[in-house]
Amino acid sequence: MTLFFLMGLIMVAFILFFRASLFHFIGENNRFVLILQNTKWFQNVWPAGLFLFVMNTILFSSTLLILYLIMTFSIPFVHLFVMMLAVVVSIVFWMSVNKAWLNSNKNRIKMAAIGSSFYLLLTFLFLYLYVTIKPFYPGEDTFMRALGISLAMIVTFVAWICCFVITGFAAKTHHKKV
């Protein structure tokens, strides 16, 4: 599990480093991008930021629900694929939001800060849970709970960075002139 977690962090680092070349996978004529571009409210900082915030909430909550159902039915190893799929869907969504933004780069950063703050708030929530952890009964070892909360803190912090970087900074794609 630790190896899988480390590989995921390395993969996210590569995605952030090579994000400009990954933006080619989201075409200019992407239906979702065109819908957002043609929606007047999306080019305003606050509604667009709140849209990103709500969509991050929906993506995160639906992933948690699916993971809970998988745990309930005790299906082994499927949770790993669900988590990978959640990361891929989130990154594609964030790239689409980036492509759909037609306003200024200054406002793009504001929109990204508003939308990605969902993950920052979750990070602070997990930090609070970690700091205030108490045993449920006398003599209980809280190590595994603390480990889980620590991993959740790392995941939400990395998600905050990724969301902010991918949505907040314009994709610098340079085309060769022939």
N, C-alpha and C. Protein backbone atom coordinates (compact mmCIF):
# COMPACT_ATOMS: atom_id res chain seq x y z
N MET A 1 0.82 -1.19 0.00
CA MET A 1 0.00 0.00 0.00
C MET A 1 0.87 1.26 0.00
N THR A 2 1.95 1.23 0.73
CA THR A 2 2.84 2.38 0.77
C THR A 2 3.47 2.62 -0.59
N LEU A 3 3.85 1.55 -1.27
CA LEU A 3 4.42 1.68 -2.61
C LEU A 3 3.40 2.27 -3.57
N PHE A 4 2.17 1.82 -3.48
CA PHE A 4 1.11 2.36 -4.33
C PHE A 4 0.90 3.85 -4.06
N PHE A 5 0.92 4.23 -2.80
CA PHE A 5 0.75 5.62 -2.41
C PHE A 5 1.91 6.47 -2.93
N LEU A 6 3.13 5.98 -2.79
CA LEU A 6 4.31 6.69 -3.28
C LEU A 6 4.29 6.82 -4.80
N MET A 7 3.90 5.76 -5.50
CA MET A 7 3.79 5.81 -6.96
C MET A 7 2.76 6.85 -7.38
N GLY A 8 1.66 6.94 -6.63
CA GLY A 8 0.64 7.94 -6.92
C GLY A 8 1.16 9.35 -6.78
N LEU A 9 1.93 9.60 -5.73
CA LEU A 9 2.52 10.93 -5.53
C LEU A 9 3.51 11.27 -6.65
N ILE A 10 4.30 10.30 -7.06
CA ILE A 10 5.25 10.51 -8.15
C ILE A 10 4.51 10.78 -9.46
N MET A 11 3.41 10.04 -9.70
CA MET A 11 2.61 10.24 -10.90
C MET A 11 2.02 11.65 -10.93
N VAL A 12 1.52 12.12 -9.80
CA VAL A 12 0.95 13.47 -9.73
C VAL A 12 2.04 14.51 -9.98
N ALA A 13 3.24 14.29 -9.46
CA ALA A 13 4.35 15.23 -9.70
C ALA A 13 4.67 15.29 -11.19
N PHE A 14 4.68 14.15 -11.87
CA PHE A 14 4.93 14.14 -13.32
C PHE A 14 3.81 14.85 -14.07
N ILE A 15 2.58 14.65 -13.65
CA ILE A 15 1.45 15.31 -14.30
C ILE A 15 1.57 16.82 -14.16
N LEU A 16 1.93 17.29 -12.98
CA LEU A 16 2.09 18.73 -12.80
C LEU A 16 3.25 19.28 -13.62
N PHE A 17 4.34 18.52 -13.68
CA PHE A 17 5.52 18.97 -14.41
C PHE A 17 5.26 19.01 -15.92
N PHE A 18 4.54 18.01 -16.44
CA PHE A 18 4.29 17.92 -17.89
C PHE A 18 2.86 18.32 -18.25
N ARG A 19 2.23 19.16 -17.43
CA ARG A 19 0.81 19.48 -17.65
C ARG A 19 0.57 20.19 -18.98
N ALA A 20 1.52 21.00 -19.44
CA ALA A 20 1.32 21.72 -20.70
C ALA A 20 1.12 20.76 -21.86
N SER A 21 1.88 19.68 -21.88
CA SER A 21 1.71 18.72 -22.97
C SER A 21 0.46 17.87 -22.80
N LEU A 22 -0.02 17.72 -21.58
CA LEU A 22 -1.24 16.94 -21.35
C LEU A 22 -2.50 17.70 -21.75
N PHE A 23 -2.42 19.03 -21.85
CA PHE A 23 -3.58 19.81 -22.23
C PHE A 23 -4.02 19.53 -23.67
N HIS A 24 -3.17 18.93 -24.48
CA HIS A 24 -3.54 18.59 -25.85
C HIS A 24 -4.62 17.51 -25.89
N PHE A 25 -4.74 16.74 -24.82
CA PHE A 25 -5.76 15.70 -24.78
C PHE A 25 -7.17 16.28 -24.65
N ILE A 26 -7.27 17.49 -24.13
CA ILE A 26 -8.55 18.18 -24.04
C ILE A 26 -8.62 19.11 -25.24
N GLY A 27 -9.38 18.74 -26.22
CA GLY A 27 -9.43 19.51 -27.46
C GLY A 27 -10.17 20.82 -27.31
N GLU A 28 -9.91 21.74 -28.22
CA GLU A 28 -10.59 23.03 -28.22
C GLU A 28 -12.08 22.87 -28.47
N ASN A 29 -12.47 21.81 -29.17
CA ASN A 29 -13.88 21.58 -29.49
C ASN A 29 -14.53 20.59 -28.54
N ASN A 30 -13.94 20.39 -27.38
CA ASN A 30 -14.53 19.53 -26.37
C ASN A 30 -15.89 20.10 -25.98
N ARG A 31 -16.90 19.25 -25.92
CA ARG A 31 -18.28 19.70 -25.67
C ARG A 31 -18.40 20.41 -24.32
N PHE A 32 -17.81 19.83 -23.29
CA PHE A 32 -17.89 20.44 -21.96
C PHE A 32 -17.19 21.79 -21.93
N VAL A 33 -16.04 21.89 -22.57
CA VAL A 33 -15.30 23.15 -22.64
C VAL A 33 -16.13 24.20 -23.36
N LEU A 34 -16.75 23.83 -24.47
CA LEU A 34 -17.56 24.78 -25.23
C LEU A 34 -18.78 25.25 -24.44
N ILE A 35 -19.40 24.34 -23.71
CA ILE A 35 -20.55 24.72 -22.88
C ILE A 35 -20.13 25.74 -21.83
N LEU A 36 -19.02 25.47 -21.16
CA LEU A 36 -18.54 26.41 -20.14
C LEU A 36 -18.12 27.75 -20.75
N GLN A 37 -17.46 27.71 -21.91
CA GLN A 37 -17.02 28.96 -22.55
C GLN A 37 -18.21 29.83 -22.94
N ASN A 38 -19.30 29.20 -23.36
CA ASN A 38 -20.47 29.95 -23.83
C ASN A 38 -21.43 30.31 -22.71
N THR A 39 -21.12 29.90 -21.49
CA THR A 39 -21.96 30.24 -20.34
C THR A 39 -21.41 31.53 -19.74
N LYS A 40 -22.28 32.55 -19.68
CA LYS A 40 -21.83 33.88 -19.26
C LYS A 40 -21.31 33.88 -17.81
N TRP A 41 -21.99 33.19 -16.90
CA TRP A 41 -21.60 33.23 -15.50
C TRP A 41 -20.24 32.59 -15.26
N PHE A 42 -19.82 31.69 -16.14
CA PHE A 42 -18.55 31.00 -15.92
C PHE A 42 -17.35 31.94 -16.09
N GLN A 43 -17.50 33.01 -16.82
CA GLN A 43 -16.39 33.93 -17.02
C GLN A 43 -16.28 34.97 -15.91
N ASN A 44 -17.08 34.83 -14.88
CA ASN A 44 -17.01 35.67 -13.70
C ASN A 44 -16.29 34.88 -12.61
N VAL A 45 -15.43 35.53 -11.85
CA VAL A 45 -14.56 34.86 -10.89
C VAL A 45 -15.34 34.07 -9.84
N TRP A 46 -16.27 34.73 -9.16
CA TRP A 46 -16.95 34.07 -8.04
C TRP A 46 -17.84 32.91 -8.47
N PRO A 47 -18.73 33.08 -9.47
CA PRO A 47 -19.54 31.91 -9.87
C PRO A 47 -18.69 30.75 -10.39
N ALA A 48 -17.64 31.06 -11.14
CA ALA A 48 -16.78 30.00 -11.66
C ALA A 48 -16.02 29.30 -10.54
N GLY A 49 -15.53 30.09 -9.58
CA GLY A 49 -14.83 29.51 -8.43
C GLY A 49 -15.75 28.65 -7.59
N LEU A 50 -16.98 29.12 -7.37
CA LEU A 50 -17.95 28.32 -6.62
C LEU A 50 -18.36 27.06 -7.38
N PHE A 51 -18.45 27.16 -8.71
CA PHE A 51 -18.73 25.98 -9.52
C PHE A 51 -17.62 24.95 -9.35
N LEU A 52 -16.38 25.39 -9.41
CA LEU A 52 -15.25 24.49 -9.21
C LEU A 52 -15.27 23.90 -7.80
N PHE A 53 -15.58 24.71 -6.80
CA PHE A 53 -15.67 24.26 -5.41
C PHE A 53 -16.74 23.16 -5.28
N VAL A 54 -17.93 23.41 -5.84
CA VAL A 54 -19.02 22.43 -5.76
C VAL A 54 -18.68 21.16 -6.52
N MET A 55 -18.07 21.30 -7.69
CA MET A 55 -17.71 20.11 -8.46
C MET A 55 -16.63 19.30 -7.75
N ASN A 56 -15.69 19.96 -7.10
CA ASN A 56 -14.69 19.24 -6.30
C ASN A 56 -15.37 18.50 -5.16
N THR A 57 -16.36 19.15 -4.54
CA THR A 57 -17.11 18.50 -3.47
C THR A 57 -17.84 17.26 -3.98
N ILE A 58 -18.47 17.38 -5.13
CA ILE A 58 -19.22 16.26 -5.71
C ILE A 58 -18.27 15.12 -6.08
N LEU A 59 -17.15 15.45 -6.72
CA LEU A 59 -16.18 14.41 -7.11
C LEU A 59 -15.63 13.69 -5.88
N PHE A 60 -15.25 14.44 -4.86
CA PHE A 60 -14.69 13.85 -3.65
C PHE A 60 -15.75 13.01 -2.91
N SER A 61 -16.94 13.54 -2.78
CA SER A 61 -18.01 12.84 -2.06
C SER A 61 -18.44 11.57 -2.78
N SER A 62 -18.55 11.62 -4.09
CA SER A 62 -18.94 10.42 -4.83
C SER A 62 -17.85 9.36 -4.75
N THR A 63 -16.59 9.77 -4.75
CA THR A 63 -15.51 8.81 -4.58
C THR A 63 -15.58 8.16 -3.20
N LEU A 64 -15.82 8.96 -2.17
CA LEU A 64 -15.97 8.41 -0.82
C LEU A 64 -17.13 7.44 -0.74
N LEU A 65 -18.24 7.76 -1.38
CA LEU A 65 -19.40 6.88 -1.38
C LEU A 65 -19.09 5.55 -2.06
N ILE A 66 -18.43 5.61 -3.18
CA ILE A 66 -18.05 4.38 -3.89
C ILE A 66 -17.08 3.55 -3.06
N LEU A 67 -16.11 4.21 -2.44
CA LEU A 67 -15.16 3.49 -1.58
C LEU A 67 -15.88 2.87 -0.38
N TYR A 68 -16.85 3.56 0.18
CA TYR A 68 -17.62 3.02 1.30
C TYR A 68 -18.40 1.78 0.87
N LEU A 69 -19.01 1.84 -0.30
CA LEU A 69 -19.76 0.68 -0.81
C LEU A 69 -18.84 -0.51 -1.06
N ILE A 70 -17.66 -0.23 -1.59
CA ILE A 70 -16.69 -1.31 -1.83
C ILE A 70 -16.27 -1.94 -0.51
N MET A 71 -16.05 -1.10 0.52
CA MET A 71 -15.69 -1.65 1.84
C MET A 71 -16.84 -2.45 2.44
N THR A 72 -18.06 -1.98 2.24
CA THR A 72 -19.23 -2.66 2.79
C THR A 72 -19.37 -4.06 2.21
N PHE A 73 -19.11 -4.19 0.92
CA PHE A 73 -19.25 -5.49 0.26
C PHE A 73 -17.94 -6.27 0.24
N SER A 74 -16.92 -5.76 0.87
CA SER A 74 -15.62 -6.44 1.01
C SER A 74 -15.06 -6.92 -0.33
N ILE A 75 -14.99 -6.01 -1.28
CA ILE A 75 -14.42 -6.34 -2.60
C ILE A 75 -12.95 -5.93 -2.56
N PRO A 76 -12.04 -6.90 -2.65
CA PRO A 76 -10.61 -6.57 -2.51
C PRO A 76 -10.02 -5.88 -3.75
N PHE A 77 -9.10 -4.98 -3.53
CA PHE A 77 -8.27 -4.30 -4.53
C PHE A 77 -9.01 -3.38 -5.49
N VAL A 78 -10.33 -3.38 -5.50
CA VAL A 78 -11.07 -2.51 -6.41
C VAL A 78 -10.92 -1.05 -5.98
N HIS A 79 -10.73 -0.84 -4.68
CA HIS A 79 -10.59 0.54 -4.18
C HIS A 79 -9.37 1.24 -4.80
N LEU A 80 -8.34 0.48 -5.12
CA LEU A 80 -7.15 1.08 -5.74
C LEU A 80 -7.48 1.64 -7.12
N PHE A 81 -8.26 0.90 -7.89
CA PHE A 81 -8.64 1.36 -9.22
C PHE A 81 -9.62 2.53 -9.14
N VAL A 82 -10.51 2.49 -8.15
CA VAL A 82 -11.45 3.60 -7.96
C VAL A 82 -10.69 4.87 -7.63
N MET A 83 -9.69 4.79 -6.77
CA MET A 83 -8.90 5.97 -6.41
C MET A 83 -8.12 6.50 -7.61
N MET A 84 -7.55 5.60 -8.43
CA MET A 84 -6.83 6.05 -9.63
C MET A 84 -7.80 6.72 -10.61
N LEU A 85 -8.98 6.13 -10.78
CA LEU A 85 -9.97 6.70 -11.68
C LEU A 85 -10.42 8.07 -11.19
N ALA A 86 -10.58 8.22 -9.87
CA ALA A 86 -10.99 9.51 -9.30
C ALA A 86 -9.94 10.58 -9.58
N VAL A 87 -8.68 10.23 -9.49
CA VAL A 87 -7.60 11.19 -9.78
C VAL A 87 -7.64 11.59 -11.25
N VAL A 88 -7.79 10.62 -12.13
CA VAL A 88 -7.82 10.90 -13.57
C VAL A 88 -9.02 11.78 -13.93
N VAL A 89 -10.20 11.44 -13.41
CA VAL A 89 -11.40 12.23 -13.70
C VAL A 89 -11.24 13.65 -13.17
N SER A 90 -10.69 13.81 -11.98
CA SER A 90 -10.49 15.15 -11.42
C SER A 90 -9.53 15.96 -12.27
N ILE A 91 -8.44 15.36 -12.68
CA ILE A 91 -7.45 16.09 -13.49
C ILE A 91 -8.02 16.48 -14.85
N VAL A 92 -8.77 15.59 -15.47
CA VAL A 92 -9.40 15.92 -16.76
C VAL A 92 -10.41 17.05 -16.57
N PHE A 93 -11.17 16.99 -15.49
CA PHE A 93 -12.13 18.06 -15.21
C PHE A 93 -11.41 19.40 -15.00
N TRP A 94 -10.34 19.39 -14.21
CA TRP A 94 -9.59 20.62 -13.96
C TRP A 94 -8.98 21.17 -15.25
N MET A 95 -8.49 20.32 -16.12
CA MET A 95 -7.95 20.79 -17.40
C MET A 95 -9.05 21.40 -18.26
N SER A 96 -10.24 20.81 -18.22
CA SER A 96 -11.36 21.35 -18.98
C SER A 96 -11.74 22.74 -18.47
N VAL A 97 -11.76 22.90 -17.16
CA VAL A 97 -12.06 24.21 -16.58
C VAL A 97 -11.00 25.22 -17.00
N ASN A 98 -9.74 24.82 -17.01
CA ASN A 98 -8.66 25.70 -17.43
C ASN A 98 -8.87 26.13 -18.88
N LYS A 99 -9.18 25.17 -19.75
CA LYS A 99 -9.36 25.50 -21.18
C LYS A 99 -10.57 26.39 -21.41
N ALA A 100 -11.60 26.22 -20.57
CA ALA A 100 -12.84 26.99 -20.77
C ALA A 100 -12.72 28.42 -20.28
N TRP A 101 -11.74 28.72 -19.45
CA TRP A 101 -11.61 30.06 -18.89
C TRP A 101 -11.09 31.02 -19.94
N LEU A 102 -11.85 32.07 -20.22
CA LEU A 102 -11.46 33.06 -21.23
C LEU A 102 -11.11 34.41 -20.62
N ASN A 103 -11.28 34.56 -19.34
CA ASN A 103 -11.02 35.81 -18.64
C ASN A 103 -9.51 35.98 -18.44
N SER A 104 -9.12 36.98 -17.69
CA SER A 104 -7.70 37.28 -17.50
C SER A 104 -7.01 36.22 -16.62
N ASN A 105 -5.69 36.18 -16.71
CA ASN A 105 -4.93 35.23 -15.90
C ASN A 105 -5.00 35.58 -14.42
N LYS A 106 -5.09 36.86 -14.10
CA LYS A 106 -5.22 37.28 -12.71
C LYS A 106 -6.52 36.72 -12.12
N ASN A 107 -7.60 36.84 -12.88
CA ASN A 107 -8.89 36.30 -12.42
C ASN A 107 -8.90 34.77 -12.43
N ARG A 108 -8.12 34.17 -13.31
CA ARG A 108 -8.01 32.70 -13.34
C ARG A 108 -7.43 32.20 -12.01
N ILE A 109 -6.43 32.90 -11.50
CA ILE A 109 -5.82 32.51 -10.22
C ILE A 109 -6.82 32.68 -9.08
N LYS A 110 -7.61 33.75 -9.12
CA LYS A 110 -8.63 33.94 -8.09
C LYS A 110 -9.66 32.81 -8.14
N MET A 111 -10.12 32.47 -9.35
CA MET A 111 -11.09 31.40 -9.52
C MET A 111 -10.52 30.08 -9.01
N ALA A 112 -9.26 29.81 -9.31
CA ALA A 112 -8.62 28.58 -8.86
C ALA A 112 -8.48 28.55 -7.35
N ALA A 113 -8.18 29.69 -6.76
CA ALA A 113 -8.05 29.76 -5.30
C ALA A 113 -9.39 29.47 -4.62
N ILE A 114 -10.45 30.00 -5.17
CA ILE A 114 -11.79 29.75 -4.60
C ILE A 114 -12.16 28.28 -4.76
N GLY A 115 -12.00 27.74 -5.96
CA GLY A 115 -12.41 26.37 -6.23
C GLY A 115 -11.58 25.32 -5.53
N SER A 116 -10.27 25.55 -5.45
CA SER A 116 -9.40 24.55 -4.83
C SER A 116 -9.42 24.63 -3.31
N SER A 117 -10.02 25.69 -2.77
CA SER A 117 -10.04 25.84 -1.32
C SER A 117 -10.82 24.72 -0.63
N PHE A 118 -11.66 24.01 -1.37
CA PHE A 118 -12.35 22.84 -0.81
C PHE A 118 -11.34 21.86 -0.23
N TYR A 119 -10.30 21.57 -1.00
CA TYR A 119 -9.30 20.61 -0.53
C TYR A 119 -8.45 21.18 0.59
N LEU A 120 -8.21 22.47 0.58
CA LEU A 120 -7.46 23.09 1.67
C LEU A 120 -8.27 23.03 2.97
N LEU A 121 -9.56 23.28 2.88
CA LEU A 121 -10.43 23.17 4.06
C LEU A 121 -10.44 21.74 4.59
N LEU A 122 -10.49 20.76 3.69
CA LEU A 122 -10.42 19.35 4.12
C LEU A 122 -9.09 19.04 4.79
N THR A 123 -8.02 19.60 4.27
CA THR A 123 -6.70 19.38 4.88
C THR A 123 -6.70 19.91 6.31
N PHE A 124 -7.24 21.11 6.50
CA PHE A 124 -7.31 21.67 7.86
C PHE A 124 -8.23 20.85 8.76
N LEU A 125 -9.32 20.32 8.20
CA LEU A 125 -10.21 19.47 8.99
C LEU A 125 -9.47 18.21 9.45
N PHE A 126 -8.74 17.58 8.55
CA PHE A 126 -7.98 16.38 8.92
C PHE A 126 -6.86 16.71 9.90
N LEU A 127 -6.26 17.87 9.75
CA LEU A 127 -5.25 18.30 10.71
C LEU A 127 -5.86 18.46 12.10
N TYR A 128 -7.03 19.06 12.17
CA TYR A 128 -7.73 19.21 13.44
C TYR A 128 -8.06 17.83 14.04
N LEU A 129 -8.56 16.92 13.19
CA LEU A 129 -8.87 15.57 13.68
C LEU A 129 -7.61 14.86 14.19
N TYR A 130 -6.50 15.08 13.52
CA TYR A 130 -5.24 14.46 13.93
C TYR A 130 -4.77 15.00 15.28
N VAL A 131 -4.83 16.31 15.43
CA VAL A 131 -4.34 16.94 16.66
C VAL A 131 -5.23 16.59 17.85
N THR A 132 -6.52 16.42 17.62
CA THR A 132 -7.45 16.17 18.73
C THR A 132 -7.81 14.70 18.87
N ILE A 133 -7.04 13.80 18.30
CA ILE A 133 -7.37 12.38 18.35
C ILE A 133 -7.29 11.88 19.80
N LYS A 134 -8.33 11.14 20.17
CA LYS A 134 -8.40 10.57 21.52
C LYS A 134 -8.88 9.13 21.39
N PRO A 135 -8.45 8.26 22.28
CA PRO A 135 -8.92 6.87 22.23
C PRO A 135 -10.41 6.80 22.56
N PHE A 136 -11.11 5.84 21.92
CA PHE A 136 -12.53 5.64 22.18
C PHE A 136 -12.77 4.99 23.54
N TYR A 137 -11.80 4.20 23.97
CA TYR A 137 -11.91 3.54 25.27
C TYR A 137 -10.51 3.52 25.88
N PRO A 138 -10.41 3.37 27.20
CA PRO A 138 -9.10 3.40 27.87
C PRO A 138 -8.17 2.31 27.33
N GLY A 139 -6.97 2.71 27.00
CA GLY A 139 -5.98 1.76 26.52
C GLY A 139 -6.01 1.49 25.03
N GLU A 140 -6.92 2.15 24.29
CA GLU A 140 -6.99 1.93 22.85
C GLU A 140 -5.77 2.53 22.16
N ASP A 141 -5.21 1.79 21.22
CA ASP A 141 -4.08 2.29 20.42
C ASP A 141 -4.65 3.06 19.24
N THR A 142 -4.33 4.33 19.12
CA THR A 142 -4.89 5.18 18.06
C THR A 142 -3.95 5.29 16.85
N PHE A 143 -2.94 4.43 16.78
CA PHE A 143 -1.95 4.55 15.71
C PHE A 143 -2.58 4.41 14.32
N MET A 144 -3.42 3.41 14.12
CA MET A 144 -3.99 3.18 12.79
C MET A 144 -4.93 4.32 12.39
N ARG A 145 -5.70 4.84 13.34
CA ARG A 145 -6.57 5.98 13.04
C ARG A 145 -5.72 7.20 12.68
N ALA A 146 -4.65 7.43 13.44
CA ALA A 146 -3.76 8.55 13.16
C ALA A 146 -3.08 8.39 11.80
N LEU A 147 -2.71 7.17 11.46
CA LEU A 147 -2.10 6.91 10.15
C LEU A 147 -3.09 7.21 9.03
N GLY A 148 -4.33 6.76 9.18
CA GLY A 148 -5.35 7.03 8.17
C GLY A 148 -5.62 8.51 8.01
N ILE A 149 -5.70 9.23 9.11
CA ILE A 149 -5.94 10.67 9.05
C ILE A 149 -4.73 11.37 8.40
N SER A 150 -3.52 10.90 8.71
CA SER A 150 -2.32 11.48 8.09
C SER A 150 -2.33 11.29 6.58
N LEU A 151 -2.69 10.10 6.13
CA LEU A 151 -2.76 9.85 4.69
C LEU A 151 -3.85 10.70 4.04
N ALA A 152 -4.98 10.85 4.71
CA ALA A 152 -6.05 11.69 4.18
C ALA A 152 -5.59 13.14 4.08
N MET A 153 -4.81 13.58 5.07
CA MET A 153 -4.27 14.94 5.05
C MET A 153 -3.33 15.12 3.85
N ILE A 154 -2.49 14.16 3.61
CA ILE A 154 -1.56 14.24 2.47
C ILE A 154 -2.32 14.25 1.16
N VAL A 155 -3.31 13.38 1.03
CA VAL A 155 -4.09 13.29 -0.21
C VAL A 155 -4.81 14.61 -0.49
N THR A 156 -5.47 15.18 0.51
CA THR A 156 -6.21 16.42 0.28
C THR A 156 -5.26 17.61 0.03
N PHE A 157 -4.09 17.60 0.67
CA PHE A 157 -3.13 18.67 0.42
C PHE A 157 -2.59 18.59 -1.01
N VAL A 158 -2.28 17.40 -1.47
CA VAL A 158 -1.80 17.22 -2.85
C VAL A 158 -2.91 17.58 -3.84
N ALA A 159 -4.16 17.22 -3.53
CA ALA A 159 -5.28 17.57 -4.40
C ALA A 159 -5.45 19.08 -4.48
N TRP A 160 -5.25 19.77 -3.34
CA TRP A 160 -5.34 21.23 -3.34
C TRP A 160 -4.28 21.83 -4.26
N ILE A 161 -3.05 21.36 -4.13
CA ILE A 161 -1.96 21.88 -4.97
C ILE A 161 -2.26 21.61 -6.45
N CYS A 162 -2.66 20.38 -6.75
CA CYS A 162 -2.93 20.02 -8.15
C CYS A 162 -4.06 20.84 -8.73
N CYS A 163 -5.16 20.95 -8.00
CA CYS A 163 -6.30 21.71 -8.49
C CYS A 163 -5.91 23.16 -8.72
N PHE A 164 -5.19 23.75 -7.78
CA PHE A 164 -4.80 25.14 -7.92
C PHE A 164 -3.86 25.35 -9.10
N VAL A 165 -2.88 24.48 -9.25
CA VAL A 165 -1.90 24.64 -10.33
C VAL A 165 -2.55 24.38 -11.70
N ILE A 166 -3.34 23.33 -11.80
CA ILE A 166 -3.93 22.98 -13.10
C ILE A 166 -4.98 24.00 -13.54
N THR A 167 -5.82 24.46 -12.62
CA THR A 167 -6.85 25.43 -13.01
C THR A 167 -6.36 26.86 -12.96
N GLY A 168 -5.35 27.15 -12.15
CA GLY A 168 -4.94 28.52 -11.94
C GLY A 168 -3.91 29.08 -12.88
N PHE A 169 -3.19 28.24 -13.55
CA PHE A 169 -2.15 28.73 -14.43
C PHE A 169 -2.44 28.29 -15.85
N ALA A 170 -2.42 29.24 -16.76
CA ALA A 170 -2.76 28.97 -18.15
C ALA A 170 -1.81 27.93 -18.74
N ALA A 171 -2.38 27.10 -19.58
CA ALA A 171 -1.56 26.08 -20.25
C ALA A 171 -0.73 26.77 -21.32
N LYS A 172 0.58 26.69 -21.18
CA LYS A 172 1.47 27.32 -22.15
C LYS A 172 1.80 26.29 -23.22
N THR A 173 0.95 26.24 -24.20
CA THR A 173 1.17 25.29 -25.29
C THR A 173 1.67 26.08 -26.50
N HIS A 174 2.84 25.75 -26.93
CA HIS A 174 3.46 26.44 -28.05
C HIS A 174 3.36 25.55 -29.28
N HIS A 175 2.84 26.14 -30.33
CA HIS A 175 2.74 25.42 -31.59
C HIS A 175 3.86 25.88 -32.51
N LYS A 176 4.47 24.93 -33.19
CA LYS A 176 5.53 25.29 -34.15
C LYS A 176 4.92 25.89 -35.39
N LYS A 177 5.49 26.98 -35.84
CA LYS A 177 5.02 27.59 -37.08
C LYS A 177 5.86 27.02 -38.20
N VAL A 178 5.14 26.55 -39.21
CA VAL A 178 5.84 25.93 -40.33
C VAL A 178 5.84 26.84 -41.51
